[in-house]
Amino acid sequence: EQFASVLLIARTDYLENNPEIIQNWLKSHEETVSWINSNPDKSKSIFEKFLKKYMGKSLPTKIIDESFSNLTITSDPIKNSVLTFAERADVLGYLGRTGYNLDGIFYEPDLNPNAMVKQLNG
């Protein structure tokens, strides 16, 4: 089962007032995701260097390889997983209030999932 582990968040007014910045950022993000998926060995090497620099040491290559084999790098927010997570967090009392509303949380300039990529790649 797939689930979102990272979500990109922006204020609505920023999205509305900076469409060119948003489009450029989304295009760069999509290109980065594509590069990572097209260059798994280089991606692992960069990740290993990141760990060494910012965490003080890396992990064995076997662990990095296994970890990457369990990941799907995508720009898809996997909406159902976000909604399920919110529901579970609410039931467990982690949201600190009764009820929640995720209406409008996802940026959807077009309901066709491939349209964004096509639009960005021009």
N, C-alpha and C. Protein backbone atom coordinates (compact mmCIF):
# COMPACT_ATOMS: atom_id res chain seq x y z
N GLU A 1 0.84 -1.18 0.00
CA GLU A 1 0.00 0.00 0.00
C GLU A 1 0.89 1.24 0.00
N GLN A 2 0.53 2.20 -0.81
CA GLN A 2 1.28 3.45 -0.87
C GLN A 2 0.67 4.49 0.05
N PHE A 3 1.54 5.32 0.61
CA PHE A 3 1.06 6.43 1.43
C PHE A 3 2.01 7.60 1.27
N ALA A 4 1.47 8.77 1.47
CA ALA A 4 2.27 9.99 1.37
C ALA A 4 3.13 10.14 2.62
N SER A 5 4.40 10.42 2.42
CA SER A 5 5.28 10.67 3.56
C SER A 5 5.71 12.13 3.62
N VAL A 6 5.53 12.84 2.52
CA VAL A 6 5.88 14.26 2.46
C VAL A 6 4.80 14.97 1.64
N LEU A 7 4.34 16.08 2.15
CA LEU A 7 3.39 16.91 1.41
C LEU A 7 3.93 18.32 1.32
N LEU A 8 3.67 18.96 0.21
CA LEU A 8 4.08 20.34 0.01
C LEU A 8 2.90 21.23 0.37
N ILE A 9 3.14 22.21 1.19
CA ILE A 9 2.08 23.07 1.70
C ILE A 9 2.34 24.53 1.29
N ALA A 10 1.29 25.22 0.89
CA ALA A 10 1.40 26.65 0.57
C ALA A 10 0.09 27.34 0.95
N ARG A 11 0.19 28.60 1.32
CA ARG A 11 -1.00 29.39 1.62
C ARG A 11 -1.77 29.66 0.33
N THR A 12 -3.08 29.64 0.42
CA THR A 12 -3.93 29.90 -0.74
C THR A 12 -3.62 31.25 -1.37
N ASP A 13 -3.46 32.27 -0.54
CA ASP A 13 -3.20 33.60 -1.10
C ASP A 13 -1.86 33.64 -1.83
N TYR A 14 -0.88 32.89 -1.35
CA TYR A 14 0.41 32.85 -2.04
C TYR A 14 0.25 32.16 -3.40
N LEU A 15 -0.50 31.05 -3.43
CA LEU A 15 -0.75 30.36 -4.69
C LEU A 15 -1.42 31.29 -5.70
N GLU A 16 -2.43 32.00 -5.22
CA GLU A 16 -3.20 32.87 -6.10
C GLU A 16 -2.41 34.09 -6.57
N ASN A 17 -1.54 34.62 -5.72
CA ASN A 17 -0.79 35.84 -6.04
C ASN A 17 0.54 35.60 -6.73
N ASN A 18 0.97 34.35 -6.81
CA ASN A 18 2.28 34.03 -7.40
C ASN A 18 2.21 32.84 -8.34
N PRO A 19 1.32 32.87 -9.33
CA PRO A 19 1.15 31.70 -10.19
C PRO A 19 2.41 31.30 -10.96
N GLU A 20 3.20 32.28 -11.37
CA GLU A 20 4.41 31.95 -12.12
C GLU A 20 5.43 31.25 -11.23
N ILE A 21 5.60 31.73 -10.02
CA ILE A 21 6.52 31.09 -9.08
C ILE A 21 6.06 29.67 -8.80
N ILE A 22 4.76 29.50 -8.58
CA ILE A 22 4.21 28.18 -8.29
C ILE A 22 4.43 27.24 -9.47
N GLN A 23 4.15 27.69 -10.68
CA GLN A 23 4.34 26.85 -11.86
C GLN A 23 5.81 26.48 -12.04
N ASN A 24 6.71 27.44 -11.84
CA ASN A 24 8.14 27.14 -11.95
C ASN A 24 8.59 26.16 -10.88
N TRP A 25 8.07 26.34 -9.67
CA TRP A 25 8.44 25.43 -8.58
C TRP A 25 7.93 24.03 -8.87
N LEU A 26 6.67 23.92 -9.31
CA LEU A 26 6.10 22.61 -9.62
C LEU A 26 6.86 21.93 -10.76
N LYS A 27 7.24 22.72 -11.76
CA LYS A 27 8.01 22.15 -12.87
C LYS A 27 9.35 21.63 -12.37
N SER A 28 10.03 22.40 -11.54
CA SER A 28 11.32 21.97 -10.97
C SER A 28 11.15 20.72 -10.12
N HIS A 29 10.09 20.69 -9.34
CA HIS A 29 9.82 19.52 -8.50
C HIS A 29 9.59 18.28 -9.36
N GLU A 30 8.79 18.42 -10.41
CA GLU A 30 8.50 17.30 -11.30
C GLU A 30 9.78 16.82 -11.99
N GLU A 31 10.62 17.75 -12.41
CA GLU A 31 11.90 17.39 -13.04
C GLU A 31 12.81 16.67 -12.05
N THR A 32 12.80 17.10 -10.80
CA THR A 32 13.62 16.46 -9.77
C THR A 32 13.15 15.04 -9.51
N VAL A 33 11.84 14.86 -9.40
CA VAL A 33 11.28 13.52 -9.20
C VAL A 33 11.67 12.61 -10.37
N SER A 34 11.55 13.13 -11.57
CA SER A 34 11.91 12.36 -12.76
C SER A 34 13.40 12.00 -12.75
N TRP A 35 14.25 12.96 -12.39
CA TRP A 35 15.69 12.70 -12.34
C TRP A 35 16.02 11.62 -11.31
N ILE A 36 15.43 11.71 -10.14
CA ILE A 36 15.68 10.71 -9.09
C ILE A 36 15.31 9.32 -9.61
N ASN A 37 14.15 9.21 -10.26
CA ASN A 37 13.70 7.91 -10.75
C ASN A 37 14.54 7.41 -11.92
N SER A 38 15.10 8.32 -12.70
CA SER A 38 15.94 7.93 -13.84
C SER A 38 17.39 7.67 -13.46
N ASN A 39 17.79 8.10 -12.27
CA ASN A 39 19.18 7.99 -11.82
C ASN A 39 19.25 7.42 -10.40
N PRO A 40 18.78 6.18 -10.21
CA PRO A 40 18.73 5.64 -8.84
C PRO A 40 20.09 5.53 -8.17
N ASP A 41 21.12 5.14 -8.90
CA ASP A 41 22.44 5.00 -8.28
C ASP A 41 23.00 6.35 -7.85
N LYS A 42 22.87 7.36 -8.71
CA LYS A 42 23.33 8.70 -8.35
C LYS A 42 22.52 9.25 -7.18
N SER A 43 21.21 8.97 -7.18
CA SER A 43 20.34 9.43 -6.10
C SER A 43 20.77 8.83 -4.76
N LYS A 44 21.08 7.55 -4.77
CA LYS A 44 21.54 6.89 -3.55
C LYS A 44 22.85 7.48 -3.07
N SER A 45 23.74 7.77 -4.01
CA SER A 45 25.03 8.36 -3.66
C SER A 45 24.85 9.74 -3.03
N ILE A 46 23.98 10.55 -3.60
CA ILE A 46 23.70 11.88 -3.05
C ILE A 46 23.09 11.74 -1.66
N PHE A 47 22.18 10.80 -1.49
CA PHE A 47 21.56 10.57 -0.18
C PHE A 47 22.60 10.15 0.84
N GLU A 48 23.50 9.27 0.43
CA GLU A 48 24.57 8.82 1.34
C GLU A 48 25.45 10.00 1.76
N LYS A 49 25.80 10.86 0.82
CA LYS A 49 26.61 12.05 1.14
C LYS A 49 25.86 12.99 2.07
N PHE A 50 24.56 13.13 1.84
CA PHE A 50 23.72 13.96 2.72
C PHE A 50 23.76 13.42 4.14
N LEU A 51 23.59 12.12 4.29
CA LEU A 51 23.62 11.52 5.63
C LEU A 51 24.95 11.79 6.32
N LYS A 52 26.04 11.58 5.59
CA LYS A 52 27.37 11.80 6.18
C LYS A 52 27.54 13.26 6.61
N LYS A 53 27.14 14.19 5.75
CA LYS A 53 27.34 15.61 6.03
C LYS A 53 26.46 16.11 7.17
N TYR A 54 25.19 15.74 7.16
CA TYR A 54 24.25 16.32 8.12
C TYR A 54 23.93 15.44 9.32
N MET A 55 24.20 14.15 9.21
CA MET A 55 23.92 13.25 10.33
C MET A 55 25.20 12.70 10.96
N GLY A 56 26.34 12.97 10.32
CA GLY A 56 27.60 12.54 10.89
C GLY A 56 28.09 11.20 10.40
N LYS A 57 27.20 10.37 9.88
CA LYS A 57 27.60 9.09 9.29
C LYS A 57 26.50 8.60 8.37
N SER A 58 26.85 7.65 7.55
CA SER A 58 25.89 7.11 6.60
C SER A 58 25.40 5.75 7.07
N LEU A 59 24.68 5.09 6.21
CA LEU A 59 24.21 3.73 6.45
C LEU A 59 24.93 2.79 5.51
N PRO A 60 24.98 1.52 5.84
CA PRO A 60 25.58 0.56 4.90
C PRO A 60 24.83 0.58 3.56
N THR A 61 25.57 0.35 2.50
CA THR A 61 24.99 0.36 1.15
C THR A 61 23.80 -0.58 1.06
N LYS A 62 23.89 -1.73 1.69
CA LYS A 62 22.80 -2.71 1.65
C LYS A 62 21.50 -2.11 2.22
N ILE A 63 21.62 -1.36 3.30
CA ILE A 63 20.44 -0.73 3.92
C ILE A 63 19.87 0.36 3.01
N ILE A 64 20.75 1.16 2.42
CA ILE A 64 20.29 2.21 1.50
C ILE A 64 19.59 1.59 0.30
N ASP A 65 20.20 0.54 -0.27
CA ASP A 65 19.58 -0.14 -1.41
C ASP A 65 18.21 -0.70 -1.05
N GLU A 66 18.13 -1.34 0.10
CA GLU A 66 16.85 -1.92 0.54
C GLU A 66 15.82 -0.82 0.78
N SER A 67 16.25 0.26 1.40
CA SER A 67 15.34 1.37 1.67
C SER A 67 14.79 1.95 0.37
N PHE A 68 15.67 2.20 -0.59
CA PHE A 68 15.23 2.76 -1.87
C PHE A 68 14.31 1.79 -2.62
N SER A 69 14.52 0.49 -2.44
CA SER A 69 13.67 -0.48 -3.13
C SER A 69 12.25 -0.47 -2.59
N ASN A 70 12.06 0.09 -1.41
CA ASN A 70 10.74 0.15 -0.79
C ASN A 70 10.05 1.50 -1.00
N LEU A 71 10.68 2.39 -1.76
CA LEU A 71 10.14 3.73 -1.99
C LEU A 71 9.65 3.89 -3.41
N THR A 72 8.62 4.68 -3.56
CA THR A 72 8.20 5.15 -4.87
C THR A 72 8.26 6.67 -4.80
N ILE A 73 9.21 7.24 -5.51
CA ILE A 73 9.35 8.69 -5.52
C ILE A 73 8.36 9.24 -6.54
N THR A 74 7.45 10.06 -6.08
CA THR A 74 6.39 10.57 -6.94
C THR A 74 5.97 11.96 -6.48
N SER A 75 5.36 12.70 -7.39
CA SER A 75 4.79 13.99 -7.00
C SER A 75 3.30 13.85 -6.70
N ASP A 76 2.78 12.66 -6.84
CA ASP A 76 1.38 12.38 -6.51
C ASP A 76 1.20 12.45 -5.00
N PRO A 77 0.29 13.27 -4.49
CA PRO A 77 0.12 13.37 -3.04
C PRO A 77 -0.56 12.15 -2.41
N ILE A 78 -1.01 11.21 -3.24
CA ILE A 78 -1.70 10.00 -2.77
C ILE A 78 -2.80 10.40 -1.79
N LYS A 79 -3.78 11.10 -2.31
CA LYS A 79 -4.84 11.73 -1.52
C LYS A 79 -5.49 10.79 -0.51
N ASN A 80 -5.82 9.57 -0.95
CA ASN A 80 -6.51 8.66 -0.04
C ASN A 80 -5.70 8.41 1.22
N SER A 81 -4.38 8.34 1.09
CA SER A 81 -3.56 8.09 2.28
C SER A 81 -3.58 9.28 3.23
N VAL A 82 -3.62 10.48 2.67
CA VAL A 82 -3.68 11.69 3.51
C VAL A 82 -5.02 11.74 4.25
N LEU A 83 -6.09 11.44 3.54
CA LEU A 83 -7.42 11.45 4.15
C LEU A 83 -7.54 10.37 5.22
N THR A 84 -7.00 9.19 4.94
CA THR A 84 -7.02 8.10 5.93
C THR A 84 -6.21 8.47 7.15
N PHE A 85 -5.03 9.04 6.95
CA PHE A 85 -4.18 9.46 8.07
C PHE A 85 -4.90 10.48 8.94
N ALA A 86 -5.55 11.46 8.30
CA ALA A 86 -6.28 12.49 9.06
C ALA A 86 -7.42 11.87 9.86
N GLU A 87 -8.13 10.95 9.24
CA GLU A 87 -9.23 10.27 9.94
C GLU A 87 -8.71 9.51 11.16
N ARG A 88 -7.63 8.77 10.99
CA ARG A 88 -7.06 8.01 12.11
C ARG A 88 -6.53 8.95 13.19
N ALA A 89 -5.88 10.02 12.79
CA ALA A 89 -5.36 10.98 13.77
C ALA A 89 -6.50 11.60 14.57
N ASP A 90 -7.60 11.87 13.89
CA ASP A 90 -8.76 12.45 14.57
C ASP A 90 -9.35 11.45 15.57
N VAL A 91 -9.53 10.21 15.14
CA VAL A 91 -10.08 9.18 16.02
C VAL A 91 -9.22 9.00 17.26
N LEU A 92 -7.91 9.09 17.09
CA LEU A 92 -6.99 8.92 18.22
C LEU A 92 -6.84 10.19 19.06
N GLY A 93 -7.47 11.27 18.64
CA GLY A 93 -7.43 12.51 19.41
C GLY A 93 -6.22 13.38 19.15
N TYR A 94 -5.44 13.07 18.12
CA TYR A 94 -4.22 13.84 17.84
C TYR A 94 -4.50 15.22 17.25
N LEU A 95 -5.68 15.42 16.69
CA LEU A 95 -5.97 16.72 16.09
C LEU A 95 -6.42 17.74 17.12
N GLY A 96 -6.71 17.29 18.33
CA GLY A 96 -6.99 18.20 19.43
C GLY A 96 -8.31 18.93 19.34
N ARG A 97 -9.19 18.47 18.51
CA ARG A 97 -10.51 19.09 18.39
C ARG A 97 -11.47 18.06 17.81
N THR A 98 -12.72 18.41 17.78
CA THR A 98 -13.70 17.49 17.22
C THR A 98 -13.92 17.83 15.75
N GLY A 99 -13.64 16.87 14.92
CA GLY A 99 -13.84 17.05 13.49
C GLY A 99 -12.70 17.77 12.81
N TYR A 100 -12.69 17.67 11.52
CA TYR A 100 -11.67 18.31 10.69
C TYR A 100 -12.24 18.46 9.29
N ASN A 101 -11.65 19.33 8.53
CA ASN A 101 -12.12 19.57 7.17
C ASN A 101 -10.91 19.72 6.27
N LEU A 102 -10.76 18.82 5.33
CA LEU A 102 -9.64 18.88 4.40
C LEU A 102 -10.06 19.37 3.02
N ASP A 103 -11.27 19.91 2.93
CA ASP A 103 -11.72 20.45 1.64
C ASP A 103 -10.74 21.51 1.16
N GLY A 104 -10.35 21.41 -0.09
CA GLY A 104 -9.47 22.39 -0.69
C GLY A 104 -8.00 22.26 -0.32
N ILE A 105 -7.64 21.19 0.38
CA ILE A 105 -6.24 21.04 0.79
C ILE A 105 -5.33 20.70 -0.39
N PHE A 106 -5.87 20.07 -1.41
CA PHE A 106 -5.06 19.67 -2.56
C PHE A 106 -5.17 20.69 -3.68
N TYR A 107 -4.03 21.07 -4.24
CA TYR A 107 -3.97 22.00 -5.36
C TYR A 107 -4.30 21.20 -6.62
N GLU A 108 -5.42 21.55 -7.26
CA GLU A 108 -5.86 20.80 -8.43
C GLU A 108 -6.19 21.75 -9.58
N PRO A 109 -5.17 22.22 -10.29
CA PRO A 109 -5.45 23.12 -11.40
C PRO A 109 -6.19 22.43 -12.53
N ASP A 110 -6.11 21.10 -12.57
CA ASP A 110 -6.77 20.31 -13.60
C ASP A 110 -7.00 18.94 -12.99
N LEU A 111 -8.17 18.37 -13.19
CA LEU A 111 -8.47 17.08 -12.59
C LEU A 111 -7.78 15.92 -13.30
N ASN A 112 -7.24 16.14 -14.49
CA ASN A 112 -6.50 15.10 -15.20
C ASN A 112 -5.10 15.03 -14.61
N PRO A 113 -4.72 13.90 -13.97
CA PRO A 113 -3.42 13.82 -13.30
C PRO A 113 -2.22 14.02 -14.21
N ASN A 114 -2.36 13.71 -15.50
CA ASN A 114 -1.24 13.89 -16.41
C ASN A 114 -1.20 15.28 -17.03
N ALA A 115 -2.27 16.02 -16.89
CA ALA A 115 -2.33 17.35 -17.49
C ALA A 115 -1.31 18.29 -16.89
N MET A 116 -1.11 18.19 -15.56
CA MET A 116 -0.15 19.06 -14.90
C MET A 116 1.24 18.84 -15.47
N VAL A 117 1.64 17.57 -15.60
CA VAL A 117 2.97 17.27 -16.11
C VAL A 117 3.09 17.77 -17.55
N LYS A 118 2.09 17.51 -18.36
CA LYS A 118 2.12 17.96 -19.74
C LYS A 118 2.16 19.49 -19.81
N GLN A 119 1.37 20.13 -18.96
CA GLN A 119 1.34 21.59 -18.93
C GLN A 119 2.70 22.14 -18.52
N LEU A 120 3.31 21.52 -17.51
CA LEU A 120 4.60 22.00 -17.02
C LEU A 120 5.71 21.78 -18.03
N ASN A 121 5.65 20.65 -18.72
CA ASN A 121 6.71 20.34 -19.68
C ASN A 121 6.47 21.00 -21.03
N GLY A 122 5.33 21.66 -21.15
CA GLY A 122 5.00 22.48 -22.29
C GLY A 122 4.96 21.79 -23.59
